[in-house]
PDB file of N, CA and C in Angstrom:
ATOM      1  N   UNK A   1       0.835  -1.405  -0.277  1.00  0.00           N
ATOM      2  CA  UNK A   1       0.101   0.063  -0.092  1.00  0.00           C
ATOM      3  C   UNK A   1       1.179   0.969  -0.193  1.00  0.00           C
ATOM      4  N   UNK A   2       2.060   0.718   0.923  1.00  0.00           N
ATOM      5  CA  UNK A   2       2.385   2.057   0.753  1.00  0.00           C
ATOM      6  C   UNK A   2       3.641   2.971  -0.214  1.00  0.00           C
ATOM      7  N   UNK A   3       3.402   1.263  -1.178  1.00  0.00           N
ATOM      8  CA  UNK A   3       4.900   2.584  -2.365  1.00  0.00           C
ATOM      9  C   UNK A   3       3.070   2.412  -3.665  1.00  0.00           C
ATOM     10  N   UNK A   4       2.469   2.310  -3.719  1.00  0.00           N
ATOM     11  CA  UNK A   4       1.430   2.384  -4.839  1.00  0.00           C
ATOM     12  C   UNK A   4       0.912   3.991  -3.700  1.00  0.00           C
ATOM     13  N   UNK A   5       0.753   4.876  -2.896  1.00  0.00           N
ATOM     14  CA  UNK A   5       0.768   5.867  -2.860  1.00  0.00           C
ATOM     15  C   UNK A   5       2.025   6.332  -2.822  1.00  0.00           C
ATOM     16  N   UNK A   6       3.457   5.841  -3.224  1.00  0.00           N
ATOM     17  CA  UNK A   6       4.693   6.813  -3.251  1.00  0.00           C
ATOM     18  C   UNK A   6       4.283   6.483  -5.060  1.00  0.00           C
ATOM     19  N   UNK A   7       4.396   5.627  -5.150  1.00  0.00           N
ATOM     20  CA  UNK A   7       3.590   5.391  -6.714  1.00  0.00           C
ATOM     21  C   UNK A   7       3.062   6.639  -7.964  1.00  0.00           C
ATOM     22  N   UNK A   8       1.810   6.440  -6.538  1.00  0.00           N
ATOM     23  CA  UNK A   8       1.036   8.090  -7.363  1.00  0.00           C
ATOM     24  C   UNK A   8       1.036   8.975  -7.004  1.00  0.00           C
ATOM     25  N   UNK A   9       2.183   9.766  -6.126  1.00  0.00           N
ATOM     26  CA  UNK A   9       2.120  11.094  -5.843  1.00  0.00           C
ATOM     27  C   UNK A   9       3.663  11.466  -6.500  1.00  0.00           C
ATOM     28  N   UNK A  10       4.605  10.295  -7.208  1.00  0.00           N
ATOM     29  CA  UNK A  10       5.859  10.606  -7.767  1.00  0.00           C
ATOM     30  C   UNK A  10       4.630  10.649  -9.243  1.00  0.00           C
ATOM     31  N   UNK A  11       4.202  10.538 -10.045  1.00  0.00           N
ATOM     32  CA  UNK A  11       3.472  10.136 -10.392  1.00  0.00           C
ATOM     33  C   UNK A  11       2.541  11.370 -11.101  1.00  0.00           C
ATOM     34  N   UNK A  12       1.544  11.597 -10.146  1.00  0.00           N
ATOM     35  CA  UNK A  12       1.155  13.642  -9.288  1.00  0.00           C
ATOM     36  C   UNK A  12       2.215  14.146 -10.211  1.00  0.00           C
ATOM     37  N   UNK A  13       3.399  14.451  -8.956  1.00  0.00           N
ATOM     38  CA  UNK A  13       4.409  15.386  -9.427  1.00  0.00           C
ATOM     39  C   UNK A  13       5.134  15.187 -10.569  1.00  0.00           C
ATOM     40  N   UNK A  14       5.469  14.108 -11.292  1.00  0.00           N
ATOM     41  CA  UNK A  14       6.163  13.919 -12.671  1.00  0.00           C
ATOM     42  C   UNK A  14       4.524  15.286 -14.023  1.00  0.00           C
ATOM     43  N   UNK A  15       3.499  14.400 -13.401  1.00  0.00           N
ATOM     44  CA  UNK A  15       2.075  15.714 -14.097  1.00  0.00           C
ATOM     45  C   UNK A  15       2.309  17.618 -14.036  1.00  0.00           C
ATOM     46  N   UNK A  16       2.449  17.368 -12.398  1.00  0.00           N
ATOM     47  CA  UNK A  16       2.568  18.773 -12.208  1.00  0.00           C
ATOM     48  C   UNK A  16       3.206  20.157 -12.508  1.00  0.00           C
ATOM     49  N   UNK A  17       2.789  21.108 -13.613  1.00  0.00           N
ATOM     50  CA  UNK A  17       3.607  22.377 -13.723  1.00  0.00           C
ATOM     51  C   UNK A  17       4.174  22.709 -12.542  1.00  0.00           C
ATOM     52  N   UNK A  18       4.199  22.451 -11.687  1.00  0.00           N
ATOM     53  CA  UNK A  18       4.889  23.175 -10.839  1.00  0.00           C
ATOM     54  C   UNK A  18       6.075  23.005  -9.745  1.00  0.00           C
ATOM     55  N   UNK A  19       5.925  21.455 -10.251  1.00  0.00           N
ATOM     56  CA  UNK A  19       6.790  21.036 -10.524  1.00  0.00           C
ATOM     57  C   UNK A  19       8.900  20.789 -10.959  1.00  0.00           C
ATOM     58  N   UNK A  20      10.551  21.605 -10.247  1.00  0.00           N
ATOM     59  CA  UNK A  20      11.095  21.829 -10.289  1.00  0.00           C
ATOM     60  C   UNK A  20      11.039  21.125 -11.514  1.00  0.00           C
ATOM     61  N   UNK A  21      12.686  21.606 -12.774  1.00  0.00           N
ATOM     62  CA  UNK A  21      13.515  20.988 -13.854  1.00  0.00           C
ATOM     63  C   UNK A  21      14.322  19.757 -12.357  1.00  0.00           C
ATOM     64  N   UNK A  22      14.837  20.180 -11.350  1.00  0.00           N
ATOM     65  CA  UNK A  22      16.001  19.348 -10.939  1.00  0.00           C
ATOM     66  C   UNK A  22      15.307  18.180 -10.530  1.00  0.00           C
ATOM     67  N   UNK A  23      14.053  18.720  -9.820  1.00  0.00           N
ATOM     68  CA  UNK A  23      13.144  17.434  -9.478  1.00  0.00           C
ATOM     69  C   UNK A  23      12.473  16.005 -10.233  1.00  0.00           C
ATOM     70  N   UNK A  24      12.207  16.903 -10.705  1.00  0.00           N
ATOM     71  CA  UNK A  24      11.996  15.909 -12.611  1.00  0.00           C
ATOM     72  C   UNK A  24      12.621  15.185 -12.633  1.00  0.00           C
ATOM     73  N   UNK A  25      14.422  15.321 -13.445  1.00  0.00           N
ATOM     74  CA  UNK A  25      14.855  15.711 -13.537  1.00  0.00           C
ATOM     75  C   UNK A  25      15.424  13.935 -12.968  1.00  0.00           C
ATOM     76  N   UNK A  26      15.032  14.051 -11.328  1.00  0.00           N
ATOM     77  CA  UNK A  26      15.582  13.024 -10.568  1.00  0.00           C
ATOM     78  C   UNK A  26      14.231  12.057  -9.985  1.00  0.00           C
ATOM     79  N   UNK A  27      13.233  13.112 -11.079  1.00  0.00           N
ATOM     80  CA  UNK A  27      12.120  10.795  -9.535  1.00  0.00           C
ATOM     81  C   UNK A  27      11.601  10.538 -10.871  1.00  0.00           C
ATOM     82  N   UNK A  28      12.246  10.891 -12.512  1.00  0.00           N
ATOM     83  CA  UNK A  28      11.473  10.614 -13.147  1.00  0.00           C
ATOM     84  C   UNK A  28      12.613   8.511 -13.797  1.00  0.00           C
ATOM     85  N   UNK A  29      12.232   8.205 -14.083  1.00  0.00           N
ATOM     86  CA  UNK A  29      12.881   6.249 -14.560  1.00  0.00           C
ATOM     87  C   UNK A  29      12.338   6.307 -15.642  1.00  0.00           C
ATOM     88  N   UNK A  30      13.037   5.490 -16.585  1.00  0.00           N
ATOM     89  CA  UNK A  30      13.508   5.207 -17.287  1.00  0.00           C
ATOM     90  C   UNK A  30      10.851   5.469 -18.079  1.00  0.00           C
ATOM     91  N   UNK A  31      11.498   4.377 -16.969  1.00  0.00           N
ATOM     92  CA  UNK A  31       9.564   4.120 -17.274  1.00  0.00           C
ATOM     93  C   UNK A  31       8.235   5.339 -17.599  1.00  0.00           C
ATOM     94  N   UNK A  32       9.038   6.359 -16.889  1.00  0.00           N
ATOM     95  CA  UNK A  32       7.974   7.258 -16.100  1.00  0.00           C
ATOM     96  C   UNK A  32       7.873   8.737 -16.889  1.00  0.00           C
ATOM     97  N   UNK A  33       8.729   8.420 -17.928  1.00  0.00           N
ATOM     98  CA  UNK A  33       9.429   9.473 -19.551  1.00  0.00           C
ATOM     99  C   UNK A  33       8.393   9.754 -19.389  1.00  0.00           C
ATOM    100  N   UNK A  34       7.007   9.069 -19.748  1.00  0.00           N
ATOM    101  CA  UNK A  34       5.421   9.679 -20.985  1.00  0.00           C
ATOM    102  C   UNK A  34       4.963  10.332 -20.144  1.00  0.00           C
ATOM    103  N   UNK A  35       5.047  10.026 -19.463  1.00  0.00           N
ATOM    104  CA  UNK A  35       4.220  10.718 -18.190  1.00  0.00           C
ATOM    105  C   UNK A  35       5.460  12.879 -17.837  1.00  0.00           C
ATOM    106  N   UNK A  36       6.459  12.662 -18.277  1.00  0.00           N
ATOM    107  CA  UNK A  36       6.634  13.208 -17.608  1.00  0.00           C
ATOM    108  C   UNK A  36       7.148  15.006 -18.904  1.00  0.00           C
ATOM    109  N   UNK A  37       7.236  13.640 -19.898  1.00  0.00           N
ATOM    110  CA  UNK A  37       7.659  14.299 -21.280  1.00  0.00           C
ATOM    111  C   UNK A  37       6.344  16.437 -21.841  1.00  0.00           C
ATOM    112  N   UNK A  38       5.407  15.635 -21.621  1.00  0.00           N
ATOM    113  CA  UNK A  38       4.703  17.325 -20.855  1.00  0.00           C
ATOM    114  C   UNK A  38       4.930  18.501 -20.674  1.00  0.00           C
ATOM    115  N   UNK A  39       5.727  17.851 -19.244  1.00  0.00           N
ATOM    116  CA  UNK A  39       5.431  18.919 -18.755  1.00  0.00           C
ATOM    117  C   UNK A  39       6.005  20.114 -19.038  1.00  0.00           C
ATOM    118  N   UNK A  40       5.457  21.658 -18.646  1.00  0.00           N
ATOM    119  CA  UNK A  40       6.327  22.425 -19.153  1.00  0.00           C
ATOM    120  C   UNK A  40       7.886  22.994 -18.277  1.00  0.00           C
ATOM    121  N   UNK A  41       7.823  23.154 -17.012  1.00  0.00           N
ATOM    122  CA  UNK A  41       9.181  22.592 -15.944  1.00  0.00           C
ATOM    123  C   UNK A  41      10.309  22.203 -17.200  1.00  0.00           C
ATOM    124  N   UNK A  42      10.037  20.999 -17.650  1.00  0.00           N
ATOM    125  CA  UNK A  42      10.900  20.101 -17.939  1.00  0.00           C
ATOM    126  C   UNK A  42      11.617  21.091 -19.433  1.00  0.00           C
ATOM    127  N   UNK A  43      12.835  20.622 -18.485  1.00  0.00           N
ATOM    128  CA  UNK A  43      13.968  21.753 -19.676  1.00  0.00           C
ATOM    129  C   UNK A  43      14.138  21.061 -21.273  1.00  0.00           C
ATOM    130  N   UNK A  44      13.567  21.984 -21.861  1.00  0.00           N
ATOM    131  CA  UNK A  44      14.264  21.210 -23.586  1.00  0.00           C
ATOM    132  C   UNK A  44      15.522  20.528 -23.331  1.00  0.00           C
ATOM    133  N   UNK A  45      15.947  20.472 -23.135  1.00  0.00           N
ATOM    134  CA  UNK A  45      16.699  19.593 -23.360  1.00  0.00           C
ATOM    135  C   UNK A  45      17.758  18.581 -23.302  1.00  0.00           C
ATOM    136  N   UNK A  46      16.398  18.324 -21.929  1.00  0.00           N
ATOM    137  CA  UNK A  46      15.836  17.109 -20.466  1.00  0.00           C
ATOM    138  C   UNK A  46      15.409  16.282 -22.154  1.00  0.00           C
ATOM    139  N   UNK A  47      14.494  16.716 -23.128  1.00  0.00           N
ATOM    140  CA  UNK A  47      13.019  16.790 -23.941  1.00  0.00           C
ATOM    141  C   UNK A  47      13.807  15.993 -25.119  1.00  0.00           C
ATOM    142  N   UNK A  48      14.940  16.321 -25.488  1.00  0.00           N
ATOM    143  CA  UNK A  48      15.712  16.127 -26.503  1.00  0.00           C
ATOM    144  C   UNK A  48      16.476  14.698 -26.100  1.00  0.00           C
ATOM    145  N   UNK A  49      17.224  15.037 -24.999  1.00  0.00           N
ATOM    146  CA  UNK A  49      17.968  13.901 -24.612  1.00  0.00           C
ATOM    147  C   UNK A  49      16.916  12.705 -25.236  1.00  0.00           C
ATOM    148  N   UNK A  50      16.133  12.611 -23.933  1.00  0.00           N
ATOM    149  CA  UNK A  50      14.837  11.703 -24.096  1.00  0.00           C
ATOM    150  C   UNK A  50      14.431  11.140 -24.639  1.00  0.00           C
ATOM    151  N   UNK A  51      14.399  11.985 -26.397  1.00  0.00           N
ATOM    152  CA  UNK A  51      13.792  11.847 -27.191  1.00  0.00           C
ATOM    153  C   UNK A  51      15.378  11.021 -28.281  1.00  0.00           C
ATOM    154  N   UNK A  52      16.268  11.061 -28.323  1.00  0.00           N
ATOM    155  CA  UNK A  52      16.870  10.856 -28.604  1.00  0.00           C
ATOM    156  C   UNK A  52      16.908   9.289 -27.951  1.00  0.00           C
ATOM    157  N   UNK A  53      16.925   9.048 -27.244  1.00  0.00           N
ATOM    158  CA  UNK A  53      17.505   7.694 -25.900  1.00  0.00           C
ATOM    159  C   UNK A  53      16.234   6.805 -26.459  1.00  0.00           C
ATOM    160  N   UNK A  54      14.953   7.192 -26.778  1.00  0.00           N
ATOM    161  CA  UNK A  54      13.960   6.594 -26.808  1.00  0.00           C
ATOM    162  C   UNK A  54      12.602   7.047 -27.590  1.00  0.00           C
ATOM    163  N   UNK A  55      12.570   7.198 -28.887  1.00  0.00           N
ATOM    164  CA  UNK A  55      12.262   8.328 -29.798  1.00  0.00           C
ATOM    165  C   UNK A  55      10.485   7.657 -30.524  1.00  0.00           C
ATOM    166  N   UNK A  56      10.221   6.817 -28.920  1.00  0.00           N
ATOM    167  CA  UNK A  56       8.706   6.371 -29.157  1.00  0.00           C
ATOM    168  C   UNK A  56       8.155   7.184 -28.448  1.00  0.00           C
ATOM    169  N   UNK A  57       8.769   7.861 -27.442  1.00  0.00           N
ATOM    170  CA  UNK A  57       8.443   9.220 -26.930  1.00  0.00           C
ATOM    171  C   UNK A  57       7.101  10.143 -26.791  1.00  0.00           C
ATOM    172  N   UNK A  58       7.935  10.061 -28.311  1.00  0.00           N
ATOM    173  CA  UNK A  58       6.955  11.138 -29.191  1.00  0.00           C
ATOM    174  C   UNK A  58       5.614  11.137 -29.630  1.00  0.00           C
ATOM    175  N   UNK A  59       5.238   9.611 -29.268  1.00  0.00           N
ATOM    176  CA  UNK A  59       4.095   9.826 -28.762  1.00  0.00           C
ATOM    177  C   UNK A  59       2.865  10.017 -28.017  1.00  0.00           C
ATOM    178  N   UNK A  60       3.424  10.188 -26.909  1.00  0.00           N
ATOM    179  CA  UNK A  60       2.709  11.278 -25.879  1.00  0.00           C
ATOM    180  C   UNK A  60       3.398  12.811 -26.095  1.00  0.00           C
ATOM    181  N   UNK A  61       4.070  13.111 -26.962  1.00  0.00           N
ATOM    182  CA  UNK A  61       4.673  13.901 -26.922  1.00  0.00           C
ATOM    183  C   UNK A  61       2.957  14.925 -26.939  1.00  0.00           C
ATOM    184  N   UNK A  62       2.487  16.075 -27.080  1.00  0.00           N
ATOM    185  CA  UNK A  62       0.848  16.637 -27.663  1.00  0.00           C
ATOM    186  C   UNK A  62       0.939  17.246 -28.848  1.00  0.00           C
ATOM    187  N   UNK A  63       2.526  18.729 -28.908  1.00  0.00           N
ATOM    188  CA  UNK A  63       2.118  18.643 -30.470  1.00  0.00           C
ATOM    189  C   UNK A  63       3.558  18.531 -31.021  1.00  0.00           C
ATOM    190  N   UNK A  64       3.509  17.181 -31.330  1.00  0.00           N
ATOM    191  CA  UNK A  64       4.644  16.970 -31.909  1.00  0.00           C
ATOM    192  C   UNK A  64       4.857  17.619 -33.081  1.00  0.00           C
ATOM    193  N   UNK A  65       6.701  17.404 -33.762  1.00  0.00           N
ATOM    194  CA  UNK A  65       6.469  18.341 -35.150  1.00  0.00           C
ATOM    195  C   UNK A  65       6.472  17.623 -35.413  1.00  0.00           C
ATOM    196  N   UNK A  66       5.606  17.712 -37.334  1.00  0.00           N
ATOM    197  CA  UNK A  66       5.406  17.127 -38.203  1.00  0.00           C
ATOM    198  C   UNK A  66       6.906  15.992 -39.118  1.00  0.00           C
ATOM    199  N   UNK A  67       7.686  16.893 -38.540  1.00  0.00           N
ATOM    200  CA  UNK A  67       8.996  16.078 -39.512  1.00  0.00           C
ATOM    201  C   UNK A  67       9.634  15.361 -38.891  1.00  0.00           C
ATOM    202  N   UNK A  68       9.050  15.426 -36.806  1.00  0.00           N
ATOM    203  CA  UNK A  68      10.133  14.299 -35.860  1.00  0.00           C
ATOM    204  C   UNK A  68       8.580  12.750 -35.891  1.00  0.00           C
ATOM    205  N   UNK A  69       7.198  13.076 -36.612  1.00  0.00           N
ATOM    206  CA  UNK A  69       6.491  11.701 -36.511  1.00  0.00           C
ATOM    207  C   UNK A  69       6.505  11.361 -37.781  1.00  0.00           C
ATOM    208  N   UNK A  70       7.346  11.666 -39.129  1.00  0.00           N
ATOM    209  CA  UNK A  70       7.854  11.362 -40.144  1.00  0.00           C
ATOM    210  C   UNK A  70       8.895  10.286 -39.985  1.00  0.00           C
ATOM    211  N   UNK A  71       9.579  11.176 -38.804  1.00  0.00           N
ATOM    212  CA  UNK A  71      10.730  10.138 -38.246  1.00  0.00           C
ATOM    213  C   UNK A  71      10.252   9.101 -38.543  1.00  0.00           C
ATOM    214  N   UNK A  72       9.448   8.942 -37.006  1.00  0.00           N
ATOM    215  CA  UNK A  72       9.061   7.394 -35.948  1.00  0.00           C
ATOM    216  C   UNK A  72       8.189   6.858 -37.205  1.00  0.00           C
ATOM    217  N   UNK A  73       7.521   7.125 -38.359  1.00  0.00           N
ATOM    218  CA  UNK A  73       6.901   5.908 -39.082  1.00  0.00           C
ATOM    219  C   UNK A  73       7.878   5.428 -39.796  1.00  0.00           C
ATOM    220  N   UNK A  74       9.366   5.890 -39.873  1.00  0.00           N
ATOM    221  CA  UNK A  74       9.817   5.389 -41.055  1.00  0.00           C
ATOM    222  C   UNK A  74      10.976   4.514 -40.545  1.00  0.00           C
ATOM    223  N   UNK A  75      11.175   5.014 -38.705  1.00  0.00           N
ATOM    224  CA  UNK A  75      12.532   4.195 -37.968  1.00  0.00           C
ATOM    225  C   UNK A  75      11.631   3.564 -37.084  1.00  0.00           C
ATOM    226  N   UNK A  76      10.684   4.058 -36.570  1.00  0.00           N
ATOM    227  CA  UNK A  76       9.975   3.110 -35.051  1.00  0.00           C
ATOM    228  C   UNK A  76      10.411   1.952 -35.065  1.00  0.00           C
ATOM    229  N   UNK A  77      10.496   1.574 -34.004  1.00  0.00           N
ATOM    230  CA  UNK A  77      11.822  -0.076 -33.356  1.00  0.00           C
ATOM    231  C   UNK A  77      10.446  -1.293 -33.845  1.00  0.00           C
ATOM    232  N   UNK A  78       8.921  -0.399 -33.587  1.00  0.00           N
ATOM    233  CA  UNK A  78       8.251  -2.529 -33.611  1.00  0.00           C
ATOM    234  C   UNK A  78       6.474  -1.423 -34.743  1.00  0.00           C
ATOM    235  N   UNK A  79       6.408  -2.514 -35.654  1.00  0.00           N
ATOM    236  CA  UNK A  79       5.754  -1.554 -36.853  1.00  0.00           C
ATOM    237  C   UNK A  79       4.174  -1.403 -34.992  1.00  0.00           C
ATOM    238  N   UNK A  80       4.041  -1.259 -33.810  1.00  0.00           N
ATOM    239  CA  UNK A  80       2.260  -1.247 -33.444  1.00  0.00           C
ATOM    240  C   UNK A  80       3.282   0.947 -32.768  1.00  0.00           C
ATOM    241  N   UNK A  81       4.291   0.889 -33.165  1.00  0.00           N
ATOM    242  CA  UNK A  81       4.662   2.331 -32.836  1.00  0.00           C
ATOM    243  C   UNK A  81       5.155   2.697 -34.227  1.00  0.00           C
ATOM    244  N   UNK A  82       5.098   2.061 -35.347  1.00  0.00           N
ATOM    245  CA  UNK A  82       5.160   2.490 -36.896  1.00  0.00           C
ATOM    246  C   UNK A  82       3.749   3.018 -37.415  1.00  0.00           C
ATOM    247  N   UNK A  83       3.051   2.065 -36.558  1.00  0.00           N
ATOM    248  CA  UNK A  83       1.755   2.548 -36.994  1.00  0.00           C
ATOM    249  C   UNK A  83       0.694   3.741 -36.034  1.00  0.00           C
ATOM    250  N   UNK A  84       0.928   3.704 -34.566  1.00  0.00           N
ATOM    251  CA  UNK A  84       0.481   4.903 -33.922  1.00  0.00           C
ATOM    252  C   UNK A  84       1.596   5.874 -34.549  1.00  0.00           C
ATOM    253  N   UNK A  85       2.549   6.220 -34.972  1.00  0.00           N
ATOM    254  CA  UNK A  85       3.007   7.624 -35.586  1.00  0.00           C
ATOM    255  C   UNK A  85       2.622   7.817 -36.263  1.00  0.00           C
ATOM    256  N   UNK A  86       1.768   7.078 -37.847  1.00  0.00           N
ATOM    257  CA  UNK A  86       1.302   6.587 -38.632  1.00  0.00           C
ATOM    258  C   UNK A  86       0.372   8.303 -38.368  1.00  0.00           C
ATOM    259  N   UNK A  87      -0.963   7.154 -37.880  1.00  0.00           N
ATOM    260  CA  UNK A  87      -1.935   7.817 -37.128  1.00  0.00           C
ATOM    261  C   UNK A  87      -2.752   8.827 -36.192  1.00  0.00           C
ATOM    262  N   UNK A  88      -0.449   9.172 -35.965  1.00  0.00           N
ATOM    263  CA  UNK A  88      -1.037  10.899 -35.564  1.00  0.00           C
ATOM    264  C   UNK A  88      -0.450  11.689 -36.693  1.00  0.00           C
ATOM    265  N   UNK A  89       0.428  11.380 -37.313  1.00  0.00           N
ATOM    266  CA  UNK A  89       0.978  12.376 -38.310  1.00  0.00           C
ATOM    267  C   UNK A  89       0.152  12.508 -38.818  1.00  0.00           C
ATOM    268  N   UNK A  90      -0.927  11.731 -39.452  1.00  0.00           N
ATOM    269  CA  UNK A  90      -2.582  11.640 -40.271  1.00  0.00           C
ATOM    270  C   UNK A  90      -3.557  12.446 -39.750  1.00  0.00           C
ATOM    271  N   UNK A  91      -3.487  12.233 -38.186  1.00  0.00           N
ATOM    272  CA  UNK A  91      -4.714  13.384 -37.610  1.00  0.00           C
ATOM    273  C   UNK A  91      -3.878  14.829 -37.339  1.00  0.00           C
ATOM    274  N   UNK A  92      -2.780  14.663 -37.203  1.00  0.00           N
ATOM    275  CA  UNK A  92      -1.869  16.231 -37.121  1.00  0.00           C
ATOM    276  C   UNK A  92      -2.058  16.908 -38.608  1.00  0.00           C
ATOM    277  N   UNK A  93      -2.227  15.895 -39.385  1.00  0.00           N
ATOM    278  CA  UNK A  93      -2.572  16.818 -41.138  1.00  0.00           C
ATOM    279  C   UNK A  93      -3.444  16.924 -41.362  1.00  0.00           C
ATOM    280  N   UNK A  94      -3.916  16.004 -41.593  1.00  0.00           N
ATOM    281  CA  UNK A  94      -5.595  16.276 -41.637  1.00  0.00           C
ATOM    282  C   UNK A  94      -6.489  17.785 -41.140  1.00  0.00           C
ATOM    283  N   UNK A  95      -5.868  18.044 -39.806  1.00  0.00           N
ATOM    284  CA  UNK A  95      -6.195  19.288 -38.905  1.00  0.00           C
ATOM    285  C   UNK A  95      -6.137  20.447 -39.411  1.00  0.00           C
ATOM    286  N   UNK A  96      -4.615  19.923 -40.237  1.00  0.00           N
ATOM    287  CA  UNK A  96      -3.942  21.373 -40.344  1.00  0.00           C
ATOM    288  C   UNK A  96      -4.837  22.400 -41.334  1.00  0.00           C
ATOM    289  N   UNK A  97      -4.759  20.993 -42.196  1.00  0.00           N
ATOM    290  CA  UNK A  97      -5.329  21.824 -43.711  1.00  0.00           C
ATOM    291  C   UNK A  97      -6.802  20.713 -44.565  1.00  0.00           C
ATOM    292  N   UNK A  98      -7.782  21.907 -44.935  1.00  0.00           N
ATOM    293  CA  UNK A  98      -8.818  20.019 -45.538  1.00  0.00           C
ATOM    294  C   UNK A  98      -8.154  20.052 -46.644  1.00  0.00           C
ATOM    295  N   UNK A  99      -7.857  18.484 -47.205  1.00  0.00           N
ATOM    296  CA  UNK A  99      -7.191  18.116 -48.517  1.00  0.00           C
ATOM    297  C   UNK A  99      -8.064  17.679 -49.370  1.00  0.00           C
ATOM    298  N   UNK A 100      -8.136  18.263 -50.850  1.00  0.00           N
ATOM    299  CA  UNK A 100      -8.718  17.750 -51.781  1.00  0.00           C
ATOM    300  C   UNK A 100      -9.102  15.622 -51.969  1.00  0.00           C
ATOM    301  N   UNK A 101      -9.387  15.636 -52.253  1.00  0.00           N
ATOM    302  CA  UNK A 101     -10.256  14.044 -53.036  1.00  0.00           C
ATOM    303  C   UNK A 101      -9.264  13.122 -53.242  1.00  0.00           C
ATOM    304  N   UNK A 102      -8.643  13.741 -54.093  1.00  0.00           N
ATOM    305  CA  UNK A 102      -7.013  14.020 -55.788  1.00  0.00           C
ATOM    306  C   UNK A 102      -6.097  13.320 -54.088  1.00  0.00           C
ATOM    307  N   UNK A 103      -5.842  14.579 -52.931  1.00  0.00           N
ATOM    308  CA  UNK A 103      -4.078  15.271 -52.138  1.00  0.00           C
ATOM    309  C   UNK A 103      -4.684  13.648 -51.764  1.00  0.00           C
ATOM    310  N   UNK A 104      -5.981  12.721 -50.634  1.00  0.00           N
ATOM    311  CA  UNK A 104      -6.352  12.070 -49.912  1.00  0.00           C
ATOM    312  C   UNK A 104      -6.150  10.862 -50.711  1.00  0.00           C
ATOM    313  N   UNK A 105      -6.730  10.173 -51.525  1.00  0.00           N
ATOM    314  CA  UNK A 105      -6.298   8.830 -53.313  1.00  0.00           C
ATOM    315  C   UNK A 105      -5.109   9.199 -53.327  1.00  0.00           C
ATOM    316  N   UNK A 106      -4.019  10.425 -53.011  1.00  0.00           N
ATOM    317  CA  UNK A 106      -2.934  10.409 -54.031  1.00  0.00           C
ATOM    318  C   UNK A 106      -1.643  10.198 -52.756  1.00  0.00           C
ATOM    319  N   UNK A 107      -1.724  10.495 -50.615  1.00  0.00           N
ATOM    320  CA  UNK A 107      -2.050   9.888 -49.959  1.00  0.00           C
ATOM    321  C   UNK A 107      -1.721   8.256 -49.323  1.00  0.00           C
ATOM    322  N   UNK A 108      -2.669   8.140 -49.675  1.00  0.00           N
ATOM    323  CA  UNK A 108      -3.126   6.510 -49.136  1.00  0.00           C
ATOM    324  C   UNK A 108      -2.573   6.073 -50.618  1.00  0.00           C
ATOM    325  N   UNK A 109      -1.812   6.558 -51.594  1.00  0.00           N
ATOM    326  CA  UNK A 109      -1.775   5.304 -53.049  1.00  0.00           C
ATOM    327  C   UNK A 109       0.211   5.211 -52.257  1.00  0.00           C
ATOM    328  N   UNK A 110       0.067   6.400 -51.550  1.00  0.00           N
ATOM    329  CA  UNK A 110       1.465   5.719 -51.497  1.00  0.00           C
ATOM    330  C   UNK A 110       2.007   4.944 -50.517  1.00  0.00           C
ATOM    331  N   UNK A 111       1.206   5.476 -49.185  1.00  0.00           N
ATOM    332  CA  UNK A 111       0.885   5.558 -47.531  1.00  0.00           C
ATOM    333  C   UNK A 111       0.429   3.595 -48.238  1.00  0.00           C
ATOM    334  N   UNK A 112       0.651   3.183 -48.842  1.00  0.00           N
ATOM    335  CA  UNK A 112       0.299   1.406 -49.538  1.00  0.00           C
ATOM    336  C   UNK A 112       1.249   0.837 -50.075  1.00  0.00           C
ATOM    337  N   UNK A 113       2.470   2.311 -51.476  1.00  0.00           N
ATOM    338  CA  UNK A 113       3.003   2.008 -51.514  1.00  0.00           C
ATOM    339  C   UNK A 113       4.339   1.416 -50.598  1.00  0.00           C
ATOM    340  N   UNK A 114       4.235   2.352 -49.310  1.00  0.00           N
ATOM    341  CA  UNK A 114       5.367   2.199 -48.820  1.00  0.00           C
ATOM    342  C   UNK A 114       5.294   0.937 -47.633  1.00  0.00           C
ATOM    343  N   UNK A 115       4.178   0.336 -47.691  1.00  0.00           N
ATOM    344  CA  UNK A 115       3.403  -0.510 -46.734  1.00  0.00           C
ATOM    345  C   UNK A 115       4.110  -2.100 -47.655  1.00  0.00           C
ATOM    346  N   UNK A 116       3.714  -2.257 -48.787  1.00  0.00           N
ATOM    347  CA  UNK A 116       4.086  -3.049 -49.567  1.00  0.00           C
ATOM    348  C   UNK A 116       5.348  -3.394 -49.733  1.00  0.00           C
ATOM    349  N   UNK A 117       6.505  -1.723 -49.690  1.00  0.00           N
ATOM    350  CA  UNK A 117       8.442  -2.424 -49.867  1.00  0.00           C
ATOM    351  C   UNK A 117       7.688  -2.327 -48.149  1.00  0.00           C
ATOM    352  N   UNK A 118       7.666  -2.878 -47.524  1.00  0.00           N
ATOM    353  CA  UNK A 118       8.308  -2.988 -45.938  1.00  0.00           C
ATOM    354  C   UNK A 118       7.239  -4.732 -46.386  1.00  0.00           C
ATOM    355  N   UNK A 119       6.850  -5.045 -46.516  1.00  0.00           N
ATOM    356  CA  UNK A 119       6.245  -6.893 -46.312  1.00  0.00           C
ATOM    357  C   UNK A 119       7.127  -7.398 -47.752  1.00  0.00           C
ATOM    358  N   UNK A 120       8.339  -7.018 -47.887  1.00  0.00           N
ATOM    359  CA  UNK A 120       8.734  -7.488 -49.033  1.00  0.00           C
ATOM    360  C   UNK A 120      10.245  -8.103 -48.845  1.00  0.00           C
TER     361      UNK A 120
END
């Protein structure tokens, strides 16, 4: 019970915007980085290092860069990570600008070609 209470408090601190940056980096174990990645107190250089060490953390970032998502679609460690990155990329690009039918069709054909190349 004590351990679960400690875990709960630690996870709350990771999400809390008022937790100091030094405490964030001290508290954060690799498995908890997904909770802390969006905390505004976390230094940008720490986020950069974490994303280099574990690119799949990008899936937990609120506003990931399109270029980073594209890279994750190409280089994700597992099929599940690549699929989720592809889904996030499609969501983000669809909400940024409306696509015409031709653009959607071209995009879908390109995606199918990529999938076919991977399965060869």
